Amino acid sequence: MSSSQRAESNHAFFKRFVNKKNSLMDFVTRFNRGVAHQRYEELISDHVDKNEKPELKTPLLMEKQMADIYTRTIFLKFQDELCQCFVYVLTKKGEDERNFIYEVKNEGLMEGNKKEKVRELLVDKSLGFIRCSCKNFECEGWPCRHMLSYFNRNQILQLPSDYILVRWTKTARLEKVVDKGDVEVQDSCENSLLVRRNTLCQIANRVIDDALASEEYSEALREHLLSFHANIKTSVGTGGSGGGVLSKINHPREPIYNDSSQVRAKGCGR
């Protein structure tokens, strides 16, 4: 783990499934159950990202753009920043050899309410890249409301690609992962649930698109899908192979784990 925060978040997750009283066999079983649960949650998130459109709160082109690019979780955070940016006022404070300096204030707060800290924007003269004193983009990975207020003032309708990090996009899984030697890292679990689901979704989408050209093909496809779905449910319910195509699938055996022998620690005195 590269940071203690990441390690602690993983510990908090797996503590829901394992504890120090588990035997070796129980630990492995519970650990695999936790990983399966995590993958299931990822499948749900992927389904939401691909098939559901988030509700837009403004007519801005930038909001529509990022609704198509960001995952649902990150888009909701970006949307909140975007909706808040309209109450901020930018004032040019000065400039130096490299940057234009702007002061950003929240003018939407009524007198007597808690005052919000004044932020400072630095706009690079040569590159045009923006940095904010709140450091939200550097820490979280999406533009803050102060940066978005600058875009709004300068009528920048779409978010520049420099401010869109790949890891928060819906297509992040399609990117290649390389090690320190620039060698692509292959998935060690080629038959994993995520890989199988993505493969089947791609095939199903192509078949559906072709079948839509004809009402006859659409009805035939619907009947075949319902029939195949019924066979799958019957096979799962009875615990059998289901016959036909399903009987050709090789189901891996569950590994068997034995508890290790208890060994007295040297000098424990017990």
C-alpha atoms as a PDB file:
ATOM      1  CA  MET A   1       0.000   0.000   0.000  1.00  0.00           C
ATOM      2  CA  SER A   2       1.331   3.398  -0.965  1.00  0.00           C
ATOM      3  CA  SER A   3      -0.384   5.241   1.864  1.00  0.00           C
ATOM      4  CA  SER A   4      -1.698   4.463   5.325  1.00  0.00           C
ATOM      5  CA  GLN A   5      -5.097   5.956   4.413  1.00  0.00           C
ATOM      6  CA  ARG A   6      -5.598   3.442   1.621  1.00  0.00           C
ATOM      7  CA  ALA A   7      -4.504   0.589   3.901  1.00  0.00           C
ATOM      8  CA  GLU A   8      -6.875   1.707   6.642  1.00  0.00           C
ATOM      9  CA  SER A   9      -9.820   1.889   4.231  1.00  0.00           C
ATOM     10  CA  ASN A  10      -9.136  -1.685   3.096  1.00  0.00           C
ATOM     11  CA  HIS A  11      -8.805  -2.850   6.693  1.00  0.00           C
ATOM     12  CA  ALA A  12     -12.149  -1.251   7.555  1.00  0.00           C
ATOM     13  CA  PHE A  13     -13.778  -3.049   4.617  1.00  0.00           C
ATOM     14  CA  PHE A  14     -12.418  -6.529   5.386  1.00  0.00           C
ATOM     15  CA  LYS A  15     -13.062  -6.241   9.121  1.00  0.00           C
ATOM     16  CA  ARG A  16     -16.724  -6.600   8.186  1.00  0.00           C
ATOM     17  CA  PHE A  17     -15.967 -10.155   7.049  1.00  0.00           C
ATOM     18  CA  VAL A  18     -12.993 -11.472   9.054  1.00  0.00           C
ATOM     19  CA  ASN A  19     -11.653 -11.272  12.595  1.00  0.00           C
ATOM     20  CA  LYS A  20      -8.749 -12.633  14.614  1.00  0.00           C
ATOM     21  CA  LYS A  21     -10.798 -15.575  15.925  1.00  0.00           C
ATOM     22  CA  ASN A  22     -11.255 -17.138  12.458  1.00  0.00           C
ATOM     23  CA  SER A  23      -9.450 -20.345  11.639  1.00  0.00           C
ATOM     24  CA  LEU A  24      -7.361 -20.464   8.473  1.00  0.00           C
ATOM     25  CA  MET A  25     -10.157 -22.113   6.518  1.00  0.00           C
ATOM     26  CA  ASP A  26     -12.746 -19.627   7.805  1.00  0.00           C
ATOM     27  CA  PHE A  27     -10.444 -16.720   7.037  1.00  0.00           C
ATOM     28  CA  VAL A  28      -9.940 -17.729   3.393  1.00  0.00           C
ATOM     29  CA  THR A  29     -13.649 -18.389   2.914  1.00  0.00           C
ATOM     30  CA  ARG A  30     -14.686 -15.090   4.499  1.00  0.00           C
ATOM     31  CA  PHE A  31     -11.974 -13.186   2.646  1.00  0.00           C
ATOM     32  CA  ASN A  32     -13.200 -14.562  -0.704  1.00  0.00           C
ATOM     33  CA  ARG A  33     -16.735 -13.640   0.327  1.00  0.00           C
ATOM     34  CA  GLY A  34     -15.603 -10.053   0.933  1.00  0.00           C
ATOM     35  CA  VAL A  35     -13.886  -9.855  -2.460  1.00  0.00           C
ATOM     36  CA  ALA A  36     -16.989 -11.269  -4.152  1.00  0.00           C
ATOM     37  CA  HIS A  37     -19.135  -8.664  -2.398  1.00  0.00           C
ATOM     38  CA  GLN A  38     -16.786  -5.905  -3.553  1.00  0.00           C
ATOM     39  CA  ARG A  39     -16.961  -7.133  -7.153  1.00  0.00           C
ATOM     40  CA  TYR A  40     -20.738  -7.318  -6.933  1.00  0.00           C
ATOM     41  CA  GLU A  41     -20.870  -3.681  -5.819  1.00  0.00           C
ATOM     42  CA  GLU A  42     -18.637  -2.776  -8.762  1.00  0.00           C
ATOM     43  CA  LEU A  43     -21.025  -4.560 -11.126  1.00  0.00           C
ATOM     44  CA  ILE A  44     -23.932  -2.559  -9.777  1.00  0.00           C
ATOM     45  CA  SER A  45     -21.988   0.695 -10.207  1.00  0.00           C
ATOM     46  CA  ASP A  46     -21.016  -0.288 -13.761  1.00  0.00           C
ATOM     47  CA  HIS A  47     -24.636  -1.062 -14.571  1.00  0.00           C
ATOM     48  CA  VAL A  48     -25.769   2.334 -13.256  1.00  0.00           C
ATOM     49  CA  ASP A  49     -23.041   4.150 -15.212  1.00  0.00           C
ATOM     50  CA  LYS A  50     -23.893   2.404 -18.486  1.00  0.00           C
ATOM     51  CA  ASN A  51     -27.693   2.309 -18.339  1.00  0.00           C
ATOM     52  CA  GLU A  52     -28.882   5.211 -16.190  1.00  0.00           C
ATOM     53  CA  LYS A  53     -28.623   8.926 -16.865  1.00  0.00           C
ATOM     54  CA  PRO A  54     -28.212  11.269 -13.874  1.00  0.00           C
ATOM     55  CA  GLU A  55     -30.648  14.139 -13.450  1.00  0.00           C
ATOM     56  CA  LEU A  56     -29.271  17.441 -14.740  1.00  0.00           C
ATOM     57  CA  LYS A  57     -29.836  20.544 -12.620  1.00  0.00           C
ATOM     58  CA  THR A  58     -28.691  23.196 -15.104  1.00  0.00           C
ATOM     59  CA  PRO A  59     -28.915  23.736 -18.879  1.00  0.00           C
ATOM     60  CA  LEU A  60     -25.119  24.083 -19.067  1.00  0.00           C
ATOM     61  CA  LEU A  61     -23.312  22.146 -21.774  1.00  0.00           C
ATOM     62  CA  MET A  62     -20.496  21.357 -19.328  1.00  0.00           C
ATOM     63  CA  GLU A  63     -22.864  19.501 -16.999  1.00  0.00           C
ATOM     64  CA  LYS A  64     -24.197  17.389 -19.867  1.00  0.00           C
ATOM     65  CA  GLN A  65     -20.641  16.726 -21.041  1.00  0.00           C
ATOM     66  CA  MET A  66     -19.461  15.436 -17.674  1.00  0.00           C
ATOM     67  CA  ALA A  67     -22.631  13.393 -17.116  1.00  0.00           C
ATOM     68  CA  ASP A  68     -21.520  11.320 -20.125  1.00  0.00           C
ATOM     69  CA  ILE A  69     -17.875  11.106 -19.019  1.00  0.00           C
ATOM     70  CA  TYR A  70     -17.741  10.851 -15.217  1.00  0.00           C
ATOM     71  CA  THR A  71     -18.947   7.884 -13.196  1.00  0.00           C
ATOM     72  CA  ARG A  72     -22.144   8.511 -11.241  1.00  0.00           C
ATOM     73  CA  THR A  73     -20.385   9.001  -7.881  1.00  0.00           C
ATOM     74  CA  ILE A  74     -17.867  11.543  -9.180  1.00  0.00           C
ATOM     75  CA  PHE A  75     -20.425  13.324 -11.355  1.00  0.00           C
ATOM     76  CA  LEU A  76     -22.660  14.046  -8.358  1.00  0.00           C
ATOM     77  CA  LYS A  77     -19.706  15.659  -6.576  1.00  0.00           C
ATOM     78  CA  PHE A  78     -18.793  17.641  -9.694  1.00  0.00           C
ATOM     79  CA  GLN A  79     -22.439  18.676 -10.137  1.00  0.00           C
ATOM     80  CA  ASP A  80     -22.522  20.083  -6.615  1.00  0.00           C
ATOM     81  CA  GLU A  81     -19.399  22.155  -7.315  1.00  0.00           C
ATOM     82  CA  LEU A  82     -20.890  23.371 -10.600  1.00  0.00           C
ATOM     83  CA  CYS A  83     -24.149  24.488  -8.981  1.00  0.00           C
ATOM     84  CA  GLN A  84     -22.227  26.379  -6.285  1.00  0.00           C
ATOM     85  CA  CYS A  85     -19.947  28.266  -8.685  1.00  0.00           C
ATOM     86  CA  PHE A  86     -22.554  30.867  -9.682  1.00  0.00           C
ATOM     87  CA  VAL A  87     -22.437  32.698  -6.343  1.00  0.00           C
ATOM     88  CA  TYR A  88     -18.708  33.425  -6.631  1.00  0.00           C
ATOM     89  CA  VAL A  89     -17.250  36.658  -7.965  1.00  0.00           C
ATOM     90  CA  LEU A  90     -13.781  36.898  -9.496  1.00  0.00           C
ATOM     91  CA  THR A  91     -11.630  39.981  -9.133  1.00  0.00           C
ATOM     92  CA  LYS A  92      -8.285  40.369 -10.845  1.00  0.00           C
ATOM     93  CA  LYS A  93      -5.798  40.985  -8.064  1.00  0.00           C
ATOM     94  CA  GLY A  94      -2.614  41.353 -10.078  1.00  0.00           C
ATOM     95  CA  GLU A  95      -0.022  39.397 -12.020  1.00  0.00           C
ATOM     96  CA  ASP A  96       3.599  38.308 -11.915  1.00  0.00           C
ATOM     97  CA  GLU A  97       6.037  37.003 -14.490  1.00  0.00           C
ATOM     98  CA  ARG A  98       4.233  33.677 -14.937  1.00  0.00           C
ATOM     99  CA  ASN A  99       0.647  34.000 -13.656  1.00  0.00           C
ATOM    100  CA  PHE A 100      -2.454  36.138 -13.582  1.00  0.00           C
ATOM    101  CA  ILE A 101      -3.780  36.286 -10.028  1.00  0.00           C
ATOM    102  CA  TYR A 102      -7.528  36.326  -9.252  1.00  0.00           C
ATOM    103  CA  GLU A 103      -9.360  36.622  -5.969  1.00  0.00           C
ATOM    104  CA  VAL A 104     -12.529  34.530  -5.580  1.00  0.00           C
ATOM    105  CA  LYS A 105     -15.210  35.504  -3.065  1.00  0.00           C
ATOM    106  CA  ASN A 106     -18.587  34.052  -2.233  1.00  0.00           C
ATOM    107  CA  GLU A 107     -21.005  36.952  -2.630  1.00  0.00           C
ATOM    108  CA  GLY A 108     -24.050  34.782  -2.023  1.00  0.00           C
ATOM    109  CA  LEU A 109     -23.641  34.755   1.767  1.00  0.00           C
ATOM    110  CA  MET A 110     -25.845  37.108   3.729  1.00  0.00           C
ATOM    111  CA  GLU A 111     -24.383  39.489   6.276  1.00  0.00           C
ATOM    112  CA  GLY A 112     -24.058  37.955   9.715  1.00  0.00           C
ATOM    113  CA  ASN A 113     -23.566  34.439   8.378  1.00  0.00           C
ATOM    114  CA  LYS A 114     -20.307  32.588   8.604  1.00  0.00           C
ATOM    115  CA  LYS A 115     -17.849  34.032   6.136  1.00  0.00           C
ATOM    116  CA  GLU A 116     -16.198  31.718   3.646  1.00  0.00           C
ATOM    117  CA  LYS A 117     -12.464  31.898   3.141  1.00  0.00           C
ATOM    118  CA  VAL A 118     -11.332  33.965   0.147  1.00  0.00           C
ATOM    119  CA  ARG A 119      -9.562  31.816  -2.436  1.00  0.00           C
ATOM    120  CA  GLU A 120      -6.847  32.681  -4.922  1.00  0.00           C
ATOM    121  CA  LEU A 121      -6.638  31.497  -8.524  1.00  0.00           C
ATOM    122  CA  LEU A 122      -3.368  31.389 -10.456  1.00  0.00           C
ATOM    123  CA  VAL A 123      -3.738  31.299 -14.249  1.00  0.00           C
ATOM    124  CA  ASP A 124      -0.570  30.353 -16.105  1.00  0.00           C
ATOM    125  CA  LYS A 125       0.092  32.908 -18.844  1.00  0.00           C
ATOM    126  CA  SER A 126       1.717  30.497 -21.296  1.00  0.00           C
ATOM    127  CA  LEU A 127      -0.268  27.297 -20.673  1.00  0.00           C
ATOM    128  CA  GLY A 128      -3.551  28.755 -19.441  1.00  0.00           C
ATOM    129  CA  PHE A 129      -3.685  26.120 -16.697  1.00  0.00           C
ATOM    130  CA  ILE A 130      -5.513  27.108 -13.499  1.00  0.00           C
ATOM    131  CA  ARG A 131      -4.500  26.354  -9.924  1.00  0.00           C
ATOM    132  CA  CYS A 132      -6.654  27.162  -6.913  1.00  0.00           C
ATOM    133  CA  SER A 133      -5.472  27.748  -3.344  1.00  0.00           C
ATOM    134  CA  CYS A 134      -8.113  25.302  -2.031  1.00  0.00           C
ATOM    135  CA  LYS A 135      -6.183  22.423  -3.716  1.00  0.00           C
ATOM    136  CA  ASN A 136      -9.373  20.459  -4.383  1.00  0.00           C
ATOM    137  CA  PHE A 137      -8.279  19.442  -7.885  1.00  0.00           C
ATOM    138  CA  GLU A 138      -4.866  18.264  -6.664  1.00  0.00           C
ATOM    139  CA  CYS A 139      -6.362  16.296  -3.752  1.00  0.00           C
ATOM    140  CA  GLU A 140      -9.689  15.000  -5.076  1.00  0.00           C
ATOM    141  CA  GLY A 141      -9.218  15.039  -8.856  1.00  0.00           C
ATOM    142  CA  TRP A 142     -12.146  17.164 -10.055  1.00  0.00           C
ATOM    143  CA  PRO A 143     -12.386  20.967 -10.531  1.00  0.00           C
ATOM    144  CA  CYS A 144     -13.510  23.021  -7.553  1.00  0.00           C
ATOM    145  CA  ARG A 145     -16.266  25.644  -7.602  1.00  0.00           C
ATOM    146  CA  HIS A 146     -13.683  28.434  -7.739  1.00  0.00           C
ATOM    147  CA  MET A 147     -12.146  27.088 -10.951  1.00  0.00           C
ATOM    148  CA  LEU A 148     -15.591  26.507 -12.431  1.00  0.00           C
ATOM    149  CA  SER A 149     -16.535  30.116 -11.684  1.00  0.00           C
ATOM    150  CA  TYR A 150     -13.527  31.171 -13.776  1.00  0.00           C
ATOM    151  CA  PHE A 151     -14.683  28.961 -16.655  1.00  0.00           C
ATOM    152  CA  ASN A 152     -18.192  30.397 -16.363  1.00  0.00           C
ATOM    153  CA  ARG A 153     -16.935  33.993 -16.401  1.00  0.00           C
ATOM    154  CA  ASN A 154     -14.779  33.364 -19.487  1.00  0.00           C
ATOM    155  CA  GLN A 155     -17.605  31.501 -21.260  1.00  0.00           C
ATOM    156  CA  ILE A 156     -15.707  28.210 -21.468  1.00  0.00           C
ATOM    157  CA  LEU A 157     -18.646  25.943 -22.227  1.00  0.00           C
ATOM    158  CA  GLN A 158     -16.923  22.551 -21.954  1.00  0.00           C
ATOM    159  CA  LEU A 159     -14.456  21.318 -19.371  1.00  0.00           C
ATOM    160  CA  PRO A 160     -10.938  21.174 -20.889  1.00  0.00           C
ATOM    161  CA  SER A 161      -9.359  17.743 -21.060  1.00  0.00           C
ATOM    162  CA  ASP A 162      -6.505  18.856 -18.756  1.00  0.00           C
ATOM    163  CA  TYR A 163      -8.979  18.820 -15.855  1.00  0.00           C
ATOM    164  CA  ILE A 164     -10.525  15.397 -16.604  1.00  0.00           C
ATOM    165  CA  LEU A 165      -8.649  12.582 -14.874  1.00  0.00           C
ATOM    166  CA  VAL A 166      -9.012   9.176 -16.531  1.00  0.00           C
ATOM    167  CA  ARG A 167      -9.473   7.336 -13.233  1.00  0.00           C
ATOM    168  CA  TRP A 168     -12.843   9.053 -12.641  1.00  0.00           C
ATOM    169  CA  THR A 169     -14.271   8.300 -16.101  1.00  0.00           C
ATOM    170  CA  LYS A 170     -16.560   5.487 -17.194  1.00  0.00           C
ATOM    171  CA  THR A 171     -13.918   4.212 -19.637  1.00  0.00           C
ATOM    172  CA  ALA A 172     -11.151   3.946 -17.027  1.00  0.00           C
ATOM    173  CA  ARG A 173     -11.345   0.125 -17.062  1.00  0.00           C
ATOM    174  CA  LEU A 174     -10.546   0.071 -20.765  1.00  0.00           C
ATOM    175  CA  GLU A 175      -7.156   1.686 -20.233  1.00  0.00           C
ATOM    176  CA  LYS A 176      -4.041  -0.499 -20.251  1.00  0.00           C
ATOM    177  CA  VAL A 177      -2.229  -0.967 -16.946  1.00  0.00           C
ATOM    178  CA  VAL A 178       1.575  -1.044 -17.194  1.00  0.00           C
ATOM    179  CA  ASP A 179       4.271  -1.761 -14.633  1.00  0.00           C
ATOM    180  CA  LYS A 180       7.476   0.188 -14.013  1.00  0.00           C
ATOM    181  CA  GLY A 181       9.030  -1.377 -17.135  1.00  0.00           C
ATOM    182  CA  ASP A 182       6.127  -0.192 -19.355  1.00  0.00           C
ATOM    183  CA  VAL A 183       4.957  -3.806 -19.716  1.00  0.00           C
ATOM    184  CA  GLU A 184       1.202  -4.312 -19.825  1.00  0.00           C
ATOM    185  CA  VAL A 185      -0.166  -6.048 -16.749  1.00  0.00           C
ATOM    186  CA  GLN A 186      -2.521  -8.881 -17.688  1.00  0.00           C
ATOM    187  CA  ASP A 187      -5.521  -9.797 -15.587  1.00  0.00           C
ATOM    188  CA  SER A 188      -4.652 -12.948 -13.657  1.00  0.00           C
ATOM    189  CA  CYS A 189      -8.305 -13.979 -13.528  1.00  0.00           C
ATOM    190  CA  GLU A 190      -9.384 -14.203 -17.171  1.00  0.00           C
ATOM    191  CA  ASN A 191     -12.667 -15.879 -16.265  1.00  0.00           C
ATOM    192  CA  SER A 192     -13.575 -13.375 -13.580  1.00  0.00           C
ATOM    193  CA  LEU A 193     -17.122 -12.175 -13.175  1.00  0.00           C
ATOM    194  CA  LEU A 194     -16.342  -8.691 -14.486  1.00  0.00           C
ATOM    195  CA  VAL A 195     -14.620  -9.959 -17.634  1.00  0.00           C
ATOM    196  CA  ARG A 196     -17.421 -12.390 -18.434  1.00  0.00           C
ATOM    197  CA  ARG A 197     -20.079  -9.740 -17.879  1.00  0.00           C
ATOM    198  CA  ASN A 198     -18.356  -7.172 -20.104  1.00  0.00           C
ATOM    199  CA  THR A 199     -17.853  -9.743 -22.871  1.00  0.00           C
ATOM    200  CA  LEU A 200     -21.482 -10.867 -22.782  1.00  0.00           C
ATOM    201  CA  CYS A 201     -22.746  -7.266 -22.692  1.00  0.00           C
ATOM    202  CA  GLN A 202     -20.763  -6.379 -25.808  1.00  0.00           C
ATOM    203  CA  ILE A 203     -22.097  -9.387 -27.718  1.00  0.00           C
ATOM    204  CA  ALA A 204     -25.666  -8.795 -26.516  1.00  0.00           C
ATOM    205  CA  ASN A 205     -25.581  -5.136 -27.541  1.00  0.00           C
ATOM    206  CA  ARG A 206     -24.459  -6.022 -31.074  1.00  0.00           C
ATOM    207  CA  VAL A 207     -27.141  -8.704 -31.412  1.00  0.00           C
ATOM    208  CA  ILE A 208     -29.874  -6.369 -30.138  1.00  0.00           C
ATOM    209  CA  ASP A 209     -28.829  -3.561 -32.482  1.00  0.00           C
ATOM    210  CA  ASP A 210     -28.981  -5.916 -35.485  1.00  0.00           C
ATOM    211  CA  ALA A 211     -32.326  -7.413 -34.425  1.00  0.00           C
ATOM    212  CA  LEU A 212     -33.969  -3.985 -34.118  1.00  0.00           C
ATOM    213  CA  ALA A 213     -33.879  -3.633 -37.901  1.00  0.00           C
ATOM    214  CA  SER A 214     -36.746  -6.128 -38.179  1.00  0.00           C
ATOM    215  CA  GLU A 215     -39.798  -6.684 -36.001  1.00  0.00           C
ATOM    216  CA  GLU A 216     -39.665 -10.406 -36.851  1.00  0.00           C
ATOM    217  CA  TYR A 217     -36.050 -10.698 -35.683  1.00  0.00           C
ATOM    218  CA  SER A 218     -36.818  -8.695 -32.556  1.00  0.00           C
ATOM    219  CA  GLU A 219     -39.662 -11.026 -31.575  1.00  0.00           C
ATOM    220  CA  ALA A 220     -37.571 -14.133 -32.322  1.00  0.00           C
ATOM    221  CA  LEU A 221     -34.702 -12.790 -30.205  1.00  0.00           C
ATOM    222  CA  ARG A 222     -37.072 -12.018 -27.343  1.00  0.00           C
ATOM    223  CA  GLU A 223     -38.470 -15.565 -27.384  1.00  0.00           C
ATOM    224  CA  HIS A 224     -34.995 -17.131 -27.475  1.00  0.00           C
ATOM    225  CA  LEU A 225     -33.792 -14.971 -24.584  1.00  0.00           C
ATOM    226  CA  LEU A 226     -36.811 -15.817 -22.447  1.00  0.00           C
ATOM    227  CA  SER A 227     -36.402 -19.522 -23.199  1.00  0.00           C
ATOM    228  CA  PHE A 228     -32.676 -19.474 -22.423  1.00  0.00           C
ATOM    229  CA  HIS A 229     -33.275 -17.486 -19.243  1.00  0.00           C
ATOM    230  CA  ALA A 230     -35.831 -20.068 -18.101  1.00  0.00           C
ATOM    231  CA  ASN A 231     -33.300 -22.871 -18.707  1.00  0.00           C
ATOM    232  CA  ILE A 232     -30.670 -21.025 -16.649  1.00  0.00           C
ATOM    233  CA  LYS A 233     -33.062 -20.471 -13.735  1.00  0.00           C
ATOM    234  CA  THR A 234     -34.073 -24.142 -13.838  1.00  0.00           C
ATOM    235  CA  SER A 235     -30.433 -25.251 -13.871  1.00  0.00           C
ATOM    236  CA  VAL A 236     -29.497 -22.993 -10.960  1.00  0.00           C
ATOM    237  CA  GLY A 237     -32.552 -24.007  -8.976  1.00  0.00           C
ATOM    238  CA  THR A 238     -31.915 -27.744  -9.322  1.00  0.00           C
ATOM    239  CA  GLY A 239     -28.148 -27.483  -8.949  1.00  0.00           C
ATOM    240  CA  GLY A 240     -27.603 -29.413 -12.176  1.00  0.00           C
ATOM    241  CA  SER A 241     -25.615 -28.581 -15.275  1.00  0.00           C
ATOM    242  CA  GLY A 242     -28.770 -27.772 -17.244  1.00  0.00           C
ATOM    243  CA  GLY A 243     -27.871 -29.924 -20.233  1.00  0.00           C
ATOM    244  CA  GLY A 244     -27.079 -28.674 -23.708  1.00  0.00           C
ATOM    245  CA  VAL A 245     -24.671 -25.762 -23.805  1.00  0.00           C
ATOM    246  CA  LEU A 246     -24.571 -25.386 -20.039  1.00  0.00           C
ATOM    247  CA  SER A 247     -23.358 -28.949 -19.563  1.00  0.00           C
ATOM    248  CA  LYS A 248     -20.168 -28.115 -21.492  1.00  0.00           C
ATOM    249  CA  ILE A 249     -19.093 -25.482 -18.996  1.00  0.00           C
ATOM    250  CA  ASN A 250     -16.364 -26.671 -16.655  1.00  0.00           C
ATOM    251  CA  HIS A 251     -17.099 -25.554 -13.121  1.00  0.00           C
ATOM    252  CA  PRO A 252     -13.915 -25.165 -11.042  1.00  0.00           C
ATOM    253  CA  ARG A 253     -13.694 -27.096  -7.820  1.00  0.00           C
ATOM    254  CA  GLU A 254     -13.694 -25.238  -4.548  1.00  0.00           C
ATOM    255  CA  PRO A 255     -10.222 -25.311  -2.953  1.00  0.00           C
ATOM    256  CA  ILE A 256      -9.852 -27.180   0.331  1.00  0.00           C
ATOM    257  CA  TYR A 257      -7.941 -25.545   3.166  1.00  0.00           C
ATOM    258  CA  ASN A 258      -6.746 -27.190   6.365  1.00  0.00           C
ATOM    259  CA  ASP A 259      -5.933 -25.430   9.606  1.00  0.00           C
ATOM    260  CA  SER A 260      -2.245 -25.155  10.390  1.00  0.00           C
ATOM    261  CA  SER A 261      -0.844 -26.988  13.416  1.00  0.00           C
ATOM    262  CA  GLN A 262      -0.561 -24.966  16.611  1.00  0.00           C
ATOM    263  CA  VAL A 263       3.044 -24.270  17.569  1.00  0.00           C
ATOM    264  CA  ARG A 264       4.197 -23.019  20.951  1.00  0.00           C
ATOM    265  CA  ALA A 265       6.158 -19.772  20.786  1.00  0.00           C
ATOM    266  CA  LYS A 266       9.722 -20.102  22.076  1.00  0.00           C
ATOM    267  CA  GLY A 267       9.960 -19.067  25.698  1.00  0.00           C
ATOM    268  CA  CYS A 268       6.210 -18.446  26.103  1.00  0.00           C
ATOM    269  CA  GLY A 269       6.193 -20.527  29.301  1.00  0.00           C
ATOM    270  CA  ARG A 270       2.744 -21.985  28.659  1.00  0.00           C
END
